[in-house]
Amino acid sequence: MRRRFEVMTVLELRQYTLHPGKRDELITLFEREFVDGQLAVGMTLPGLFRDLDDPDRFVWLRGFTDMAARREALTAFYSGPVWQAHRDQANATMIDSDNVLLLRPLRGFPTEPVAGPISATIHYFDAPVSDDVLEKALAEPFLAVAVTEHAENTFPQLPVRVGEHVVVTFGSGVDLSERVEHLSLEATSFR
């Protein structure tokens, strides 16, 4: 089974900090064991990336049709045989896997993998993102745009960052806020 794309209304931006030198080990394990298992339970995987500025960071995107589907898919995967068989090996590569933004896609997220390097920017705001900012983001030539999903985390076993107000953009464009985090990403071999 390979990539699976459906309508996504929920997206996770997951940034894992890994033990030094363990990124490629996790990516190999992830692509070999975890991709098909997640797709089989209804998840979408828009991208798996190496952070070009941090050799010990693995960044990936995981999508769901809605919050109820997220809960069901995560329950099925994390209680299922694939995760149970390989979780210790995966967890041994990680220092932190809780840097997760729960997002709502607004535009983009192509149905085919993006080849080569891609930039992602997290634009931080002190309050919920205004319609003016969203209009500005959607007017820019970004490949994809997502905004904070403020729904309750339906799978609390996997924490997400709460109290964040962000717009995440993929591709080049203007900074939408004074506080931004730029990520330089390169897709893994996952296709």
Protein backbone atom coordinates (compact mmCIF):
# COMPACT_ATOMS: atom_id res chain seq x y z
CA MET A 1 0.00 0.00 0.00
CA ARG A 2 1.34 3.45 -0.81
CA ARG A 3 0.23 7.03 -0.36
CA ARG A 4 -3.40 7.65 0.35
CA PHE A 5 -4.97 11.05 -0.19
CA GLU A 6 -8.45 11.97 0.87
CA VAL A 7 -10.03 15.20 1.98
CA MET A 8 -8.14 16.34 5.06
CA THR A 9 -9.75 18.68 7.55
CA VAL A 10 -7.19 17.92 10.28
CA LEU A 11 -3.42 17.94 9.89
CA GLU A 12 -0.61 17.29 12.35
CA LEU A 13 2.78 18.95 11.87
CA ARG A 14 5.07 16.66 13.87
CA GLN A 15 8.68 17.66 14.67
CA TYR A 16 10.70 14.98 16.44
CA THR A 17 14.01 15.69 18.16
CA LEU A 18 16.17 12.59 17.88
CA HIS A 19 19.27 11.27 19.56
CA PRO A 20 22.39 12.32 17.62
CA GLY A 21 22.90 10.28 14.47
CA LYS A 22 19.56 8.43 14.72
CA ARG A 23 17.49 10.30 12.11
CA ASP A 24 18.17 7.99 9.17
CA GLU A 25 17.58 4.96 11.39
CA LEU A 26 14.13 6.27 12.31
CA ILE A 27 13.31 7.25 8.72
CA THR A 28 14.25 3.78 7.47
CA LEU A 29 12.13 2.12 10.16
CA PHE A 30 9.28 4.56 9.58
CA GLU A 31 9.18 4.04 5.81
CA ARG A 32 9.59 0.26 6.10
CA GLU A 33 7.15 -0.41 8.95
CA PHE A 34 4.91 2.54 9.80
CA VAL A 35 3.77 4.08 6.52
CA ASP A 36 1.56 1.25 5.31
CA GLY A 37 0.21 0.61 8.79
CA GLN A 38 -0.96 4.21 9.13
CA LEU A 39 -2.41 4.34 5.64
CA ALA A 40 -4.28 1.09 6.29
CA VAL A 41 -6.20 2.61 9.21
CA GLY A 42 -7.26 5.71 7.27
CA MET A 43 -4.51 8.26 7.83
CA THR A 44 -3.02 10.43 5.10
CA LEU A 45 0.73 11.12 5.01
CA PRO A 46 1.36 14.28 2.96
CA GLY A 47 5.08 14.29 3.69
CA LEU A 48 8.06 12.92 5.58
CA PHE A 49 11.05 15.27 5.78
CA ARG A 50 14.61 15.71 6.97
CA ASP A 51 15.20 19.13 8.54
CA LEU A 52 18.15 20.48 6.53
CA ASP A 53 19.16 22.80 9.39
CA ASP A 54 19.06 20.16 12.15
CA PRO A 55 20.50 16.68 11.52
CA ASP A 56 18.69 15.38 14.58
CA ARG A 57 15.17 16.42 13.59
CA PHE A 58 12.56 14.44 11.66
CA VAL A 59 9.51 16.41 10.48
CA TRP A 60 6.37 14.84 9.11
CA LEU A 61 2.76 15.57 8.27
CA ARG A 62 -0.18 13.32 9.08
CA GLY A 63 -3.76 14.04 8.01
CA PHE A 64 -7.26 12.91 8.87
CA THR A 65 -10.72 13.49 7.46
CA ASP A 66 -11.95 14.88 10.82
CA MET A 67 -11.28 14.74 14.56
CA ALA A 68 -13.40 11.61 15.10
CA ALA A 69 -11.52 9.83 12.31
CA ARG A 70 -8.26 10.98 13.92
CA ARG A 71 -9.21 9.34 17.22
CA GLU A 72 -10.27 6.10 15.52
CA ALA A 73 -7.20 5.87 13.28
CA LEU A 74 -4.72 6.67 16.05
CA THR A 75 -6.38 4.18 18.39
CA ALA A 76 -6.24 1.48 15.70
CA PHE A 77 -2.62 2.15 14.81
CA TYR A 78 -1.13 2.56 18.29
CA SER A 79 -2.99 -0.46 19.70
CA GLY A 80 -2.29 -2.51 16.57
CA PRO A 81 0.41 -5.05 15.75
CA VAL A 82 2.70 -2.82 13.67
CA TRP A 83 3.29 -0.21 16.38
CA GLN A 84 3.42 -2.82 19.13
CA ALA A 85 6.13 -4.75 17.27
CA HIS A 86 8.35 -1.74 16.49
CA ARG A 87 7.61 0.95 19.08
CA ASP A 88 10.61 0.23 21.30
CA GLN A 89 12.99 0.53 18.35
CA ALA A 90 11.32 3.79 17.24
CA ASN A 91 11.18 5.29 20.72
CA ALA A 92 14.87 4.51 21.27
CA THR A 93 15.73 7.02 18.50
CA MET A 94 13.69 9.87 20.02
CA ILE A 95 14.41 12.50 22.63
CA ASP A 96 11.10 14.33 22.10
CA SER A 97 8.05 13.55 19.98
CA ASP A 98 5.63 16.04 21.57
CA ASN A 99 6.38 19.07 19.34
CA VAL A 100 3.11 18.72 17.44
CA LEU A 101 0.83 21.38 16.00
CA LEU A 102 -2.78 20.42 15.29
CA LEU A 103 -3.80 22.28 12.14
CA ARG A 104 -6.67 22.82 9.71
CA PRO A 105 -5.53 22.85 6.07
CA LEU A 106 -6.78 25.84 4.09
CA ARG A 107 -5.12 25.31 0.73
CA GLY A 108 -2.63 23.12 -1.01
CA PHE A 109 -1.22 19.81 0.11
CA PRO A 110 -0.72 18.33 -3.34
CA THR A 111 -1.83 14.81 -4.14
CA GLU A 112 1.69 13.83 -5.19
CA PRO A 113 4.84 14.03 -3.08
CA VAL A 114 6.86 17.21 -3.32
CA ALA A 115 10.35 16.46 -4.63
CA GLY A 116 13.43 18.29 -3.46
CA PRO A 117 13.79 20.88 -0.72
CA ILE A 118 10.80 22.83 0.53
CA SER A 119 10.54 25.63 3.05
CA ALA A 120 7.94 25.71 5.79
CA THR A 121 7.28 28.68 8.02
CA ILE A 122 5.37 28.74 11.27
CA HIS A 123 3.93 32.23 11.80
CA TYR A 124 3.06 32.81 15.49
CA PHE A 125 0.33 35.14 16.76
CA ASP A 126 -0.71 36.25 20.26
CA ALA A 127 -4.41 35.63 19.58
CA PRO A 128 -6.52 33.59 17.16
CA VAL A 129 -5.53 34.37 13.59
CA SER A 130 -7.63 37.14 12.05
CA ASP A 131 -9.46 36.88 8.75
CA ASP A 132 -7.18 39.62 7.38
CA VAL A 133 -4.10 37.49 8.03
CA LEU A 134 -5.75 34.43 6.50
CA GLU A 135 -6.71 36.42 3.40
CA LYS A 136 -3.12 37.64 3.10
CA ALA A 137 -1.78 34.09 3.46
CA LEU A 138 -4.17 32.76 0.83
CA ALA A 139 -3.24 35.60 -1.55
CA GLU A 140 0.46 34.63 -1.43
CA PRO A 141 1.92 32.00 -3.79
CA PHE A 142 2.44 29.42 -1.01
CA LEU A 143 2.20 25.75 -1.99
CA ALA A 144 0.03 25.06 1.05
CA VAL A 145 -1.45 26.93 4.01
CA ALA A 146 -2.79 25.64 7.34
CA VAL A 147 -4.03 27.34 10.51
CA THR A 148 -4.32 26.18 14.12
CA GLU A 149 -7.12 23.69 14.74
CA HIS A 150 -8.49 24.62 18.16
CA ALA A 151 -10.55 21.44 18.65
CA GLU A 152 -9.88 19.33 21.71
CA ASN A 153 -7.19 16.69 21.23
CA THR A 154 -9.25 13.53 20.68
CA PHE A 155 -6.24 11.27 21.36
CA PRO A 156 -4.60 12.62 24.52
CA GLN A 157 -2.04 9.79 24.59
CA LEU A 158 -0.25 11.85 21.91
CA PRO A 159 0.10 15.42 23.20
CA VAL A 160 -0.26 18.44 20.93
CA ARG A 161 0.81 22.01 21.64
CA VAL A 162 -2.14 23.91 23.11
CA GLY A 163 -2.66 27.65 23.29
CA GLU A 164 -0.82 28.22 20.02
CA HIS A 165 -2.14 30.55 17.33
CA VAL A 166 -0.27 29.87 14.10
CA VAL A 167 -0.43 29.89 10.35
CA VAL A 168 1.88 27.35 8.73
CA THR A 169 2.92 28.00 5.14
CA PHE A 170 4.83 25.78 2.75
CA GLY A 171 6.86 27.36 -0.04
CA SER A 172 8.16 30.88 -0.32
CA GLY A 173 6.23 34.04 0.47
CA VAL A 174 6.08 36.87 2.97
CA ASP A 175 6.31 36.55 6.74
CA LEU A 176 2.82 37.03 8.18
CA SER A 177 3.87 37.85 11.74
CA GLU A 178 6.83 39.26 13.65
CA ARG A 179 7.63 35.90 15.25
CA VAL A 180 8.32 33.12 12.77
CA GLU A 181 10.10 29.78 12.72
CA HIS A 182 11.59 28.79 9.36
CA LEU A 183 12.12 25.13 8.49
CA SER A 184 14.22 24.00 5.53
CA LEU A 185 12.96 20.53 4.65
CA GLU A 186 13.89 17.79 2.22
CA ALA A 187 11.50 14.97 1.43
CA THR A 188 12.59 11.47 2.36
CA SER A 189 12.44 8.68 -0.21
CA PHE A 190 8.80 7.94 0.74
CA ARG A 191 6.64 8.13 -2.38
